[in-house]
Amino acid sequence: MSNFYNRNNNHNHFNRNNNHGNFNRKSNPDFDNKPVKVDSNVSYINPYNFISLNKSGCKRYDALEREGSLTGYIECELTTKTETIVPDTENVDKEKPEFKFYNYCETKNGFTVPVIPGSEIRGMLRSDFEVFTDSCLSTVDGKKSFSDESKKHSRSLNELLNVAKDLNKSYSPCIDKKSLCEACNLFGFVADENAKGSKIRISDALYDGDTNPYAEYRVLSDLASPHISNATFYSLFLSNADLANMDEGYWNYLYQYTSKGKEQINLPNITIRGRKMYWHHKPIIKKDLILKPKRNCAVTPVKEGTKFKFKVYFENITNRDLEHLIAVINLDYDSDFMYKNKKYYDLCHKIGKAKPLGYGSIKLDVKDVQVRKVEVKDGKVSYQLLPGSEVLGKDLKDINLNTCFDTNTQTFKDALKMYNFNYLDANYERVPVNYPQGQPEGKKETGFFWFNFNSGENKETNSKYFLMVLPLVSEGRDIANNYPGLKATIKRDGVEVPIDGLKIPKYNK
């Protein structure tokens, strides 16, 4: 899912007990009294980033405005762009987690036929639909409170999501079926005292082929749960550009230290980064990994280029809803810019397990749209299916992201990078996609070391501080617009951290 928080996630946003960006660093010989060294020859692209929220706020409509009469189906083809695993989670040994691809136990030509559940596609499409339509963050628990370390300040997530300073435009989940965002109107919603049924139903996606679609069985690298307590990556107070312009200042999420002295940070100035998304990139397959039940798992993915077919059924929707749905399914962006003799913009969805490792990039294509027309003649009811292009009055190929949405917003520009399958390859070739790694001398590199290196302490002011934060999507390079990305240097206590777009340098001891 793309949403920033999940209702079932119990992490505290400003919790300092997590080793990913904390201040209460315990004494450790790997860190104490040793200067941080920045290895600018080694860098990483963090597997995830955030699509910013539109400052104009969530778009909601009166329910009567959204009543339509179109009923029918969209015929779709799904093609895997990278190896993909949609696991059968109900039939797995917890002591030895080896996930098989979801299936109906049907065999053909000696292999079990893979199936992608419609519920999996539905969840993916809803998240993506929310992004492009400026809809609410439907899976958020807006009542959750977030406090600073001293517990003197507290803000609910509902406050953080009110980026437009207008409660009617807050990105908090919809609760009133009389006033709904476009996604909730189409996909439905459930609230404490309200609910609305979905106008969308999605069939399971069935494998469309006769040859064995499976890649080799393999053990995956460790996969961890989201650490939303990692304030430097999940929330935003100062960007790397801000830090580079602070010649003498230090900051953390409690105080900032400038030439004026120590100042308590105004909590409302800490903002939400946006909707979390994973970058598209090719998985690096490691064949020497060992299955460790409490750390990782084993999978059997389907190969790149595997095709599935499914249908999206819709009922009583508007012409606009149908066009927006087609645009989000296809993710077609009209541009003549080329890369390696092919179109630069190849926007794709993400589905299934191990997205941080590069698995689950897929391309969807609308193959046909049929709309049901009901006629009553001589007391008899008859049904007729009409082509979607005839009903909409335009060729389906002319419906794309450009024609349906405002392409000039920062939200759209962020999405254009994060959904583009070619973005990292074209702009950051050979930079590995990996969680940041640090390495003490003679020790194995781990993310734990990097996040500890990233937090420092100034002895003169006795202040804890961060060296850098997760780069913003907008700070990344973009060859299509001839933008080199943010170039800067953050200097603190004799340490210089080079900032180069999305690249995160390695810290050593």
Protein backbone atom coordinates (compact mmCIF):
# COMPACT_ATOMS: atom_id res chain seq x y z
CA MET A 1 0.00 0.00 0.00
CA SER A 2 1.10 3.54 -0.64
CA ASN A 3 -0.35 5.17 2.46
CA PHE A 4 1.96 6.76 5.02
CA TYR A 5 0.56 4.92 8.03
CA ASN A 6 -1.38 1.72 8.45
CA ARG A 7 -4.17 1.30 10.99
CA ASN A 8 -2.47 -1.76 12.46
CA ASN A 9 0.96 -0.18 12.91
CA ASN A 10 1.66 0.61 16.55
CA HIS A 11 4.96 2.45 16.15
CA ASN A 12 5.19 5.93 17.70
CA HIS A 13 6.31 8.56 15.23
CA PHE A 14 8.64 10.32 17.70
CA ASN A 15 9.72 7.26 19.66
CA ARG A 16 13.42 7.40 20.50
CA ASN A 17 13.75 3.73 21.46
CA ASN A 18 14.19 2.60 17.88
CA ASN A 19 17.76 2.34 16.62
CA HIS A 20 16.79 3.86 13.27
CA GLY A 21 17.44 7.54 13.97
CA ASN A 22 17.27 7.57 17.76
CA PHE A 23 19.03 9.87 20.20
CA ASN A 24 19.45 7.52 23.16
CA ARG A 25 22.48 5.78 21.70
CA LYS A 26 23.95 3.32 24.16
CA SER A 27 27.70 3.20 24.75
CA ASN A 28 29.29 1.16 22.00
CA PRO A 29 33.01 0.83 21.23
CA ASP A 30 32.18 0.88 17.52
CA PHE A 31 30.96 4.49 17.85
CA ASP A 32 32.51 6.12 20.92
CA ASN A 33 35.31 8.65 20.43
CA LYS A 34 35.74 7.82 16.78
CA PRO A 35 35.08 10.33 14.00
CA VAL A 36 32.58 9.62 11.28
CA LYS A 37 34.08 9.11 7.83
CA VAL A 38 31.97 9.69 4.76
CA ASP A 39 32.75 7.38 1.85
CA SER A 40 31.59 9.36 -1.18
CA ASN A 41 32.65 6.49 -3.48
CA VAL A 42 29.85 4.29 -2.08
CA SER A 43 26.23 5.39 -2.02
CA TYR A 44 22.71 3.97 -1.96
CA ILE A 45 19.20 4.79 -3.11
CA ASN A 46 16.78 4.11 -0.28
CA PRO A 47 14.17 1.53 -1.46
CA TYR A 48 11.26 3.80 -0.60
CA ASN A 49 10.39 7.48 -0.69
CA PHE A 50 7.27 9.61 -0.39
CA ILE A 51 4.99 11.28 -2.89
CA SER A 52 4.18 14.68 -1.42
CA LEU A 53 0.61 15.64 -0.57
CA ASN A 54 -0.99 18.39 -2.61
CA LYS A 55 -0.99 21.54 -0.46
CA SER A 56 -4.48 22.39 -1.72
CA GLY A 57 -5.69 19.36 0.21
CA CYS A 58 -7.85 16.32 -0.37
CA LYS A 59 -10.55 16.76 -3.02
CA ARG A 60 -14.01 15.82 -1.78
CA TYR A 61 -17.34 16.01 -3.56
CA ASP A 62 -21.00 16.00 -2.69
CA ALA A 63 -22.28 12.45 -3.11
CA LEU A 64 -24.96 13.58 -5.56
CA GLU A 65 -22.23 14.92 -7.87
CA ARG A 66 -20.77 11.45 -8.14
CA GLU A 67 -23.89 9.51 -9.08
CA GLY A 68 -23.55 7.92 -12.51
CA SER A 69 -25.25 5.46 -14.77
CA LEU A 70 -22.40 3.55 -16.42
CA THR A 71 -22.23 -0.17 -15.68
CA GLY A 72 -19.94 -2.67 -17.38
CA TYR A 73 -16.41 -4.04 -17.26
CA ILE A 74 -12.80 -3.29 -18.21
CA GLU A 75 -10.78 -6.15 -19.68
CA CYS A 76 -7.15 -5.95 -18.53
CA GLU A 77 -3.81 -7.63 -19.14
CA LEU A 78 -1.14 -7.76 -16.44
CA THR A 79 2.51 -8.28 -17.42
CA THR A 80 5.28 -8.68 -14.86
CA LYS A 81 8.18 -6.27 -15.42
CA THR A 82 10.31 -7.92 -12.74
CA GLU A 83 9.99 -11.27 -11.03
CA THR A 84 6.88 -11.17 -8.86
CA ILE A 85 5.68 -13.10 -5.82
CA VAL A 86 2.07 -12.98 -4.59
CA PRO A 87 2.31 -15.54 -1.81
CA ASP A 88 -0.21 -18.07 -0.63
CA THR A 89 -0.03 -17.00 3.02
CA GLU A 90 -2.60 -19.50 4.27
CA ASN A 91 -0.61 -22.58 3.30
CA VAL A 92 2.84 -21.97 4.75
CA ASP A 93 4.85 -23.60 7.52
CA LYS A 94 5.59 -20.87 10.09
CA GLU A 95 8.66 -22.76 11.27
CA LYS A 96 10.06 -22.78 7.76
CA PRO A 97 8.50 -19.89 5.83
CA GLU A 98 8.59 -20.97 2.19
CA PHE A 99 5.95 -19.11 0.21
CA LYS A 100 4.41 -20.59 -2.90
CA PHE A 101 2.66 -18.39 -5.43
CA TYR A 102 -1.09 -18.12 -4.83
CA ASN A 103 -3.04 -20.72 -6.84
CA TYR A 104 -6.23 -22.79 -7.06
CA CYS A 105 -4.31 -26.09 -6.94
CA GLU A 106 -4.92 -26.41 -10.67
CA THR A 107 -2.11 -27.95 -12.71
CA LYS A 108 -1.28 -27.62 -16.39
CA ASN A 109 1.63 -29.12 -18.34
CA GLY A 110 3.26 -30.22 -15.10
CA PHE A 111 3.13 -26.94 -13.17
CA THR A 112 0.67 -25.37 -10.74
CA VAL A 113 -1.16 -22.49 -12.43
CA PRO A 114 -0.44 -19.15 -10.66
CA VAL A 115 -3.29 -16.80 -9.78
CA ILE A 116 -3.26 -13.21 -8.49
CA PRO A 117 -6.25 -12.61 -6.18
CA GLY A 118 -8.57 -9.79 -7.18
CA SER A 119 -8.32 -8.42 -3.63
CA GLU A 120 -4.58 -7.93 -4.13
CA ILE A 121 -5.13 -6.01 -7.36
CA ARG A 122 -7.94 -4.01 -5.79
CA GLY A 123 -5.76 -2.84 -2.88
CA MET A 124 -2.98 -1.84 -5.27
CA LEU A 125 -5.32 0.02 -7.63
CA ARG A 126 -7.04 1.85 -4.80
CA SER A 127 -3.73 3.13 -3.43
CA ASP A 128 -2.65 4.30 -6.87
CA PHE A 129 -6.05 5.86 -7.55
CA GLU A 130 -5.75 7.81 -4.30
CA VAL A 131 -2.40 9.25 -5.41
CA PHE A 132 -3.53 10.65 -8.75
CA THR A 133 -6.97 11.88 -7.62
CA ASP A 134 -5.73 13.63 -4.43
CA SER A 135 -7.97 11.36 -2.40
CA CYS A 136 -7.73 10.65 1.33
CA LEU A 137 -5.25 8.27 2.94
CA SER A 138 -7.87 5.61 3.53
CA THR A 139 -5.86 3.19 5.69
CA VAL A 140 -4.67 5.78 8.20
CA ASP A 141 -5.71 5.75 11.85
CA GLY A 142 -6.20 9.49 12.21
CA LYS A 143 -6.86 9.29 15.95
CA LYS A 144 -3.37 8.03 16.72
CA SER A 145 -1.38 10.53 18.79
CA PHE A 146 2.27 11.38 18.31
CA SER A 147 4.34 12.96 21.08
CA ASP A 148 7.83 14.33 21.37
CA GLU A 149 10.35 12.76 23.71
CA SER A 150 9.38 14.99 26.64
CA LYS A 151 5.67 14.14 26.23
CA LYS A 152 4.94 17.87 26.52
CA HIS A 153 3.68 18.15 22.97
CA SER A 154 1.28 15.90 21.14
CA ARG A 155 -0.38 15.95 17.73
CA SER A 156 -2.85 13.54 16.24
CA LEU A 157 -2.29 12.19 12.78
CA ASN A 158 -5.48 14.01 11.77
CA GLU A 159 -3.65 17.26 12.51
CA LEU A 160 -0.64 16.23 10.44
CA LEU A 161 -2.87 15.33 7.51
CA ASN A 162 -4.61 18.71 7.51
CA VAL A 163 -1.99 20.20 5.17
CA ALA A 164 -4.46 22.70 3.65
CA LYS A 165 -5.45 24.02 7.11
CA ASP A 166 -9.05 23.16 6.23
CA LEU A 167 -10.69 20.19 7.91
CA ASN A 168 -12.94 19.65 4.89
CA LYS A 169 -9.80 19.13 2.79
CA SER A 170 -7.82 17.05 5.27
CA TYR A 171 -6.25 13.84 3.98
CA SER A 172 -7.69 11.96 6.95
CA PRO A 173 -9.94 9.05 5.93
CA CYS A 174 -13.43 9.93 4.75
CA ILE A 175 -16.11 9.47 7.43
CA ASP A 176 -19.21 11.00 5.83
CA LYS A 177 -20.79 9.35 2.79
CA LYS A 178 -22.36 12.69 1.86
CA SER A 179 -18.92 14.15 1.25
CA LEU A 180 -16.41 11.75 -0.27
CA CYS A 181 -13.08 11.81 -2.04
CA GLU A 182 -13.02 10.23 -5.47
CA ALA A 183 -11.40 6.98 -4.27
CA CYS A 184 -13.86 6.41 -1.42
CA ASN A 185 -16.78 7.15 -3.72
CA LEU A 186 -15.55 4.56 -6.20
CA PHE A 187 -14.02 1.88 -3.95
CA GLY A 188 -16.19 2.39 -0.86
CA PHE A 189 -15.24 3.03 2.75
CA VAL A 190 -16.00 1.96 6.31
CA ALA A 191 -16.07 4.38 9.26
CA ASP A 192 -17.30 4.20 12.85
CA GLU A 193 -20.83 5.34 12.07
CA ASN A 194 -20.88 5.33 8.30
CA ALA A 195 -20.12 3.15 5.34
CA LYS A 196 -20.51 3.07 1.59
CA GLY A 197 -20.43 0.08 -0.71
CA SER A 198 -17.96 -0.25 -3.53
CA LYS A 199 -18.82 0.44 -7.15
CA ILE A 200 -15.85 -1.68 -8.21
CA ARG A 201 -15.36 -5.45 -8.27
CA ILE A 202 -12.15 -7.07 -9.55
CA SER A 203 -11.82 -10.67 -10.67
CA ASP A 204 -8.81 -12.82 -9.90
CA ALA A 205 -6.06 -12.54 -12.51
CA LEU A 206 -5.51 -15.86 -14.30
CA TYR A 207 -2.24 -16.91 -15.89
CA ASP A 208 -2.38 -16.53 -19.67
CA GLY A 209 0.13 -19.07 -20.98
CA ASP A 210 1.00 -22.72 -21.45
CA THR A 211 4.68 -22.86 -20.42
CA ASN A 212 6.03 -23.03 -16.88
CA PRO A 213 6.03 -19.38 -15.64
CA TYR A 214 8.06 -19.90 -12.48
CA ALA A 215 11.54 -18.62 -11.74
CA GLU A 216 13.92 -20.54 -9.48
CA TYR A 217 13.17 -21.08 -5.81
CA ARG A 218 15.30 -18.70 -3.73
CA VAL A 219 15.83 -17.30 -0.25
CA LEU A 220 15.24 -13.56 0.09
CA SER A 221 17.30 -11.05 2.02
CA ASP A 222 15.91 -9.97 5.38
CA LEU A 223 12.65 -8.03 5.19
CA ALA A 224 11.73 -5.81 8.14
CA SER A 225 8.54 -4.01 9.14
CA PRO A 226 8.30 -0.26 8.47
CA HIS A 227 10.11 1.85 11.08
CA ILE A 228 7.91 4.93 11.13
CA SER A 229 9.71 5.96 14.33
CA ASN A 230 12.65 6.75 12.04
CA ALA A 231 11.88 10.46 12.09
CA THR A 232 14.64 11.45 9.64
CA PHE A 233 13.04 9.33 6.91
CA TYR A 234 9.30 9.35 7.67
CA SER A 235 8.65 12.93 8.77
CA LEU A 236 9.99 16.29 7.65
CA PHE A 237 11.17 19.38 9.49
CA LEU A 238 14.29 20.38 7.55
CA SER A 239 15.32 19.08 4.11
CA ASN A 240 18.90 18.37 3.09
CA ALA A 241 18.89 21.71 1.24
CA ASP A 242 17.93 23.42 4.51
CA LEU A 243 20.67 21.60 6.40
CA ALA A 244 23.28 22.59 3.83
CA ASN A 245 22.28 26.24 4.29
CA MET A 246 22.61 26.01 8.08
CA ASP A 247 26.29 26.87 8.43
CA GLU A 248 26.39 26.62 12.22
CA GLY A 249 23.04 25.21 13.25
CA TYR A 250 22.18 21.87 14.77
CA TRP A 251 18.76 20.28 15.05
CA ASN A 252 16.76 17.31 16.19
CA TYR A 253 13.04 16.79 16.61
CA LEU A 254 13.00 18.53 20.00
CA TYR A 255 15.24 21.57 19.59
CA GLN A 256 17.27 23.51 17.09
CA TYR A 257 20.54 25.22 17.94
CA THR A 258 21.41 28.32 15.95
CA SER A 259 23.41 31.50 16.47
CA LYS A 260 20.45 32.67 18.56
CA GLY A 261 20.93 29.75 20.93
CA LYS A 262 18.69 26.83 21.83
CA GLU A 263 15.13 27.04 20.54
CA GLN A 264 12.34 24.57 21.02
CA ILE A 265 10.91 23.40 17.70
CA ASN A 266 7.32 24.37 17.07
CA LEU A 267 5.71 20.98 16.67
CA PRO A 268 3.30 22.04 13.88
CA ASN A 269 6.37 22.75 11.73
CA ILE A 270 7.07 19.01 11.65
CA THR A 271 5.14 17.76 8.66
CA ILE A 272 4.13 14.50 7.07
CA ARG A 273 6.22 13.53 4.03
CA GLY A 274 3.39 12.01 2.06
CA ARG A 275 2.43 8.63 0.62
CA LYS A 276 5.08 5.94 0.90
CA MET A 277 6.05 4.22 -2.34
CA TYR A 278 8.81 1.80 -3.39
CA TRP A 279 11.10 2.56 -6.31
CA HIS A 280 11.05 0.34 -9.39
CA HIS A 281 14.34 -1.51 -9.90
CA LYS A 282 15.61 -4.94 -10.90
CA PRO A 283 16.05 -7.43 -8.04
CA ILE A 284 19.57 -8.53 -7.24
CA ILE A 285 19.34 -12.29 -6.76
CA LYS A 286 21.67 -13.71 -4.10
CA LYS A 287 22.04 -17.48 -4.33
CA ASP A 288 24.04 -18.09 -1.16
CA LEU A 289 21.47 -16.91 1.39
CA ILE A 290 20.40 -19.23 4.20
CA LEU A 291 16.79 -19.52 5.33
CA LYS A 292 16.44 -18.13 8.85
CA PRO A 293 12.78 -18.53 9.96
CA LYS A 294 12.62 -15.41 12.15
CA ARG A 295 14.60 -13.21 9.75
CA ASN A 296 13.74 -14.01 6.15
CA CYS A 297 11.75 -16.34 3.91
CA ALA A 298 11.96 -18.39 0.72
CA VAL A 299 9.80 -17.82 -2.37
CA THR A 300 9.13 -19.10 -5.86
CA PRO A 301 8.30 -16.06 -8.01
CA VAL A 302 6.92 -15.96 -11.50
CA LYS A 303 9.31 -14.79 -14.19
CA GLU A 304 9.59 -11.38 -15.77
CA GLY A 305 7.23 -11.17 -18.76
CA THR A 306 4.55 -13.45 -17.29
CA LYS A 307 1.05 -12.44 -18.41
CA PHE A 308 -2.27 -12.60 -16.55
CA LYS A 309 -5.78 -11.52 -17.49
CA PHE A 310 -8.51 -10.08 -15.28
CA LYS A 311 -11.59 -7.84 -15.37
CA VAL A 312 -12.61 -4.75 -13.44
CA TYR A 313 -16.40 -4.59 -13.10
CA PHE A 314 -18.00 -1.21 -12.41
CA GLU A 315 -21.55 -0.21 -11.55
CA ASN A 316 -23.33 3.16 -11.71
CA ILE A 317 -20.26 5.32 -12.19
CA THR A 318 -19.81 8.59 -14.10
CA ASN A 319 -17.94 9.15 -17.36
CA ARG A 320 -15.26 10.94 -15.40
CA ASP A 321 -14.88 8.02 -12.98
CA LEU A 322 -14.47 5.62 -15.88
CA GLU A 323 -11.86 7.79 -17.60
CA HIS A 324 -9.90 8.23 -14.37
CA LEU A 325 -10.05 4.49 -13.70
CA ILE A 326 -8.75 3.71 -17.20
CA ALA A 327 -5.95 6.28 -16.81
CA VAL A 328 -4.80 4.86 -13.45
CA ILE A 329 -4.92 1.28 -14.72
CA ASN A 330 -2.85 2.08 -17.81
CA LEU A 331 -0.59 4.72 -16.23
CA ASP A 332 0.10 6.11 -19.70
CA TYR A 333 1.94 9.44 -19.73
CA ASP A 334 2.16 11.22 -23.07
CA SER A 335 5.73 12.34 -23.78
CA ASP A 336 8.14 12.06 -26.71
CA PHE A 337 11.25 11.95 -24.52
CA MET A 338 13.33 8.87 -25.33
CA TYR A 339 15.84 6.83 -23.33
CA LYS A 340 17.98 4.05 -24.84
CA ASN A 341 15.86 4.10 -28.01
CA LYS A 342 12.62 3.62 -26.10
CA LYS A 343 10.11 5.81 -24.35
CA TYR A 344 11.54 7.22 -21.15
CA TYR A 345 8.24 7.22 -19.28
CA ASP A 346 7.15 3.64 -18.56
CA LEU A 347 4.92 3.98 -15.52
CA CYS A 348 4.21 0.75 -13.66
CA HIS A 349 2.42 -0.54 -10.58
CA LYS A 350 3.85 -2.55 -7.66
CA ILE A 351 2.25 -5.67 -6.22
CA GLY A 352 3.00 -8.58 -3.90
CA LYS A 353 5.88 -9.40 -1.59
CA ALA A 354 9.45 -8.07 -1.38
CA LYS A 355 8.86 -4.70 -3.05
CA PRO A 356 11.95 -3.15 -1.34
CA LEU A 357 14.09 -5.81 -3.05
CA GLY A 358 12.74 -4.95 -6.51
CA TYR A 359 10.10 -7.66 -6.89
CA GLY A 360 6.53 -6.98 -8.00
CA SER A 361 6.82 -4.35 -10.75
CA ILE A 362 3.95 -4.90 -13.17
CA LYS A 363 2.44 -3.21 -16.22
CA LEU A 364 -1.34 -3.09 -16.73
CA ASP A 365 -3.01 -2.59 -20.09
CA VAL A 366 -6.68 -1.94 -20.77
CA LYS A 367 -7.61 -4.22 -23.66
CA ASP A 368 -11.33 -3.48 -23.90
CA VAL A 369 -14.12 -1.60 -22.18
CA GLN A 370 -17.76 -2.65 -22.45
CA VAL A 371 -20.67 -0.62 -21.08
CA ARG A 372 -24.11 -2.14 -20.56
CA LYS A 373 -27.08 -0.36 -22.05
CA VAL A 374 -30.53 -1.27 -20.69
CA GLU A 375 -33.59 -0.84 -22.87
CA VAL A 376 -37.26 -1.40 -22.08
CA LYS A 377 -39.34 -2.04 -25.20
CA ASP A 378 -42.85 -3.45 -25.36
CA GLY A 379 -42.66 -4.27 -21.67
CA LYS A 380 -39.50 -6.30 -22.11
CA VAL A 381 -36.06 -5.50 -20.70
CA SER A 382 -33.08 -6.06 -22.95
CA TYR A 383 -29.36 -5.59 -22.40
CA GLN A 384 -26.79 -4.50 -24.91
CA LEU A 385 -23.03 -4.10 -24.53
CA LEU A 386 -21.55 -1.03 -26.17
CA PRO A 387 -17.84 -0.26 -26.70
CA GLY A 388 -16.48 2.12 -24.07
CA SER A 389 -15.13 4.44 -26.78
CA GLU A 390 -18.66 4.86 -28.19
CA VAL A 391 -20.13 5.69 -24.78
CA LEU A 392 -17.32 8.09 -23.82
CA GLY A 393 -17.14 9.62 -27.28
CA LYS A 394 -13.37 9.20 -27.56
CA ASP A 395 -10.78 6.57 -28.39
CA LEU A 396 -9.55 4.73 -25.29
CA LYS A 397 -5.95 5.45 -26.38
CA ASP A 398 -6.66 9.15 -25.92
CA ILE A 399 -7.39 8.66 -22.21
CA ASN A 400 -4.18 9.05 -20.21
CA LEU A 401 -2.72 10.77 -17.16
CA ASN A 402 -2.19 14.00 -19.11
CA THR A 403 -5.85 14.32 -20.10
CA CYS A 404 -7.26 13.32 -16.71
CA PHE A 405 -5.10 15.04 -14.08
CA ASP A 406 -3.16 18.24 -13.38
CA THR A 407 0.41 17.38 -14.39
CA ASN A 408 1.86 20.62 -12.96
CA THR A 409 1.47 19.83 -9.24
CA GLN A 410 4.44 18.69 -7.17
CA THR A 411 2.42 15.63 -6.21
CA PHE A 412 2.12 14.58 -9.85
CA LYS A 413 5.79 15.33 -10.56
CA ASP A 414 6.83 13.15 -7.60
CA ALA A 415 4.55 10.36 -8.80
CA LEU A 416 5.96 10.62 -12.32
CA LYS A 417 9.39 9.72 -10.94
CA MET A 418 8.33 7.03 -8.51
CA TYR A 419 6.04 5.16 -10.91
CA ASN A 420 8.53 5.33 -13.80
CA PHE A 421 10.18 1.95 -14.29
CA ASN A 422 13.08 3.65 -16.10
CA TYR A 423 13.71 6.47 -13.63
CA LEU A 424 16.48 5.01 -11.46
CA ASP A 425 18.20 3.24 -14.34
CA ALA A 426 18.28 6.43 -16.40
CA ASN A 427 19.26 8.83 -13.63
CA TYR A 428 21.20 6.69 -11.13
CA GLU A 429 22.71 3.86 -13.14
CA ARG A 430 24.78 1.43 -11.05
CA VAL A 431 23.77 3.05 -7.73
CA PRO A 432 22.46 0.12 -5.65
CA VAL A 433 18.93 0.31 -4.23
CA ASN A 434 19.42 -0.63 -0.62
CA TYR A 435 18.76 0.58 2.89
CA PRO A 436 21.72 2.77 3.97
CA GLN A 437 24.69 0.80 5.29
CA GLY A 438 27.44 1.82 7.69
CA GLN A 439 30.58 -0.12 8.55
CA PRO A 440 32.91 0.12 11.55
CA GLU A 441 36.49 -0.85 10.84
CA GLY A 442 36.83 -4.62 10.59
CA LYS A 443 33.11 -5.19 11.13
CA LYS A 444 30.23 -6.22 8.88
CA GLU A 445 28.22 -3.37 7.34
CA THR A 446 24.66 -2.92 8.61
CA GLY A 447 21.92 -0.32 8.59
CA PHE A 448 22.20 -0.04 12.37
CA PHE A 449 25.64 1.51 12.03
CA TRP A 450 24.51 3.97 9.36
CA PHE A 451 21.64 5.38 11.42
CA ASN A 452 23.87 5.69 14.46
CA PHE A 453 26.54 7.44 12.42
CA ASN A 454 23.88 9.79 11.08
CA SER A 455 23.12 11.08 14.58
CA GLY A 456 25.84 13.16 16.21
CA GLU A 457 26.49 15.11 19.37
CA ASN A 458 28.02 18.58 19.65
CA LYS A 459 30.01 18.79 22.88
CA GLU A 460 29.99 22.60 23.02
CA THR A 461 26.22 22.87 23.01
CA ASN A 462 25.61 19.38 24.42
CA SER A 463 23.12 18.93 21.61
CA LYS A 464 22.14 15.80 19.72
CA TYR A 465 21.63 16.32 16.02
CA PHE A 466 21.11 14.67 12.63
CA LEU A 467 23.62 14.93 9.80
CA MET A 468 21.18 14.41 6.93
CA VAL A 469 17.64 13.25 6.20
CA LEU A 470 16.02 11.16 3.48
CA PRO A 471 16.27 13.16 0.22
CA LEU A 472 13.02 14.49 -1.19
CA VAL A 473 11.80 12.99 -4.47
CA SER A 474 11.92 16.52 -5.91
CA GLU A 475 15.67 16.65 -5.15
CA GLY A 476 16.41 13.73 -7.47
CA ARG A 477 18.01 14.04 -10.89
CA ASP A 478 15.77 14.18 -13.94
CA ILE A 479 17.30 13.87 -17.39
CA ALA A 480 13.92 14.52 -19.00
CA ASN A 481 13.94 18.06 -17.59
CA ASN A 482 17.73 18.52 -17.63
CA TYR A 483 17.80 18.79 -13.83
CA PRO A 484 21.01 17.53 -12.17
CA GLY A 485 19.41 17.07 -8.76
CA LEU A 486 20.26 18.79 -5.49
CA LYS A 487 24.01 19.40 -5.16
CA ALA A 488 25.18 20.55 -1.74
CA THR A 489 27.37 19.75 1.26
CA ILE A 490 26.27 19.48 4.88
CA LYS A 491 29.05 20.37 7.35
CA ARG A 492 28.88 19.55 11.04
CA ASP A 493 31.71 19.19 13.56
CA GLY A 494 34.35 18.69 10.88
CA VAL A 495 32.26 16.12 9.02
CA GLU A 496 31.28 16.90 5.42
CA VAL A 497 28.37 15.00 3.90
CA PRO A 498 28.05 15.42 0.13
CA ILE A 499 24.45 15.64 -1.08
CA ASP A 500 23.88 14.38 -4.61
CA GLY A 501 20.19 14.08 -5.42
CA LEU A 502 18.74 10.84 -4.04
CA LYS A 503 22.09 9.25 -3.24
CA ILE A 504 22.78 8.44 0.41
CA PRO A 505 26.54 8.17 1.18
CA LYS A 506 28.09 5.43 3.26
CA TYR A 507 29.40 6.19 6.75
CA ASN A 508 32.47 4.39 8.12
CA LYS A 509 34.52 4.34 11.31
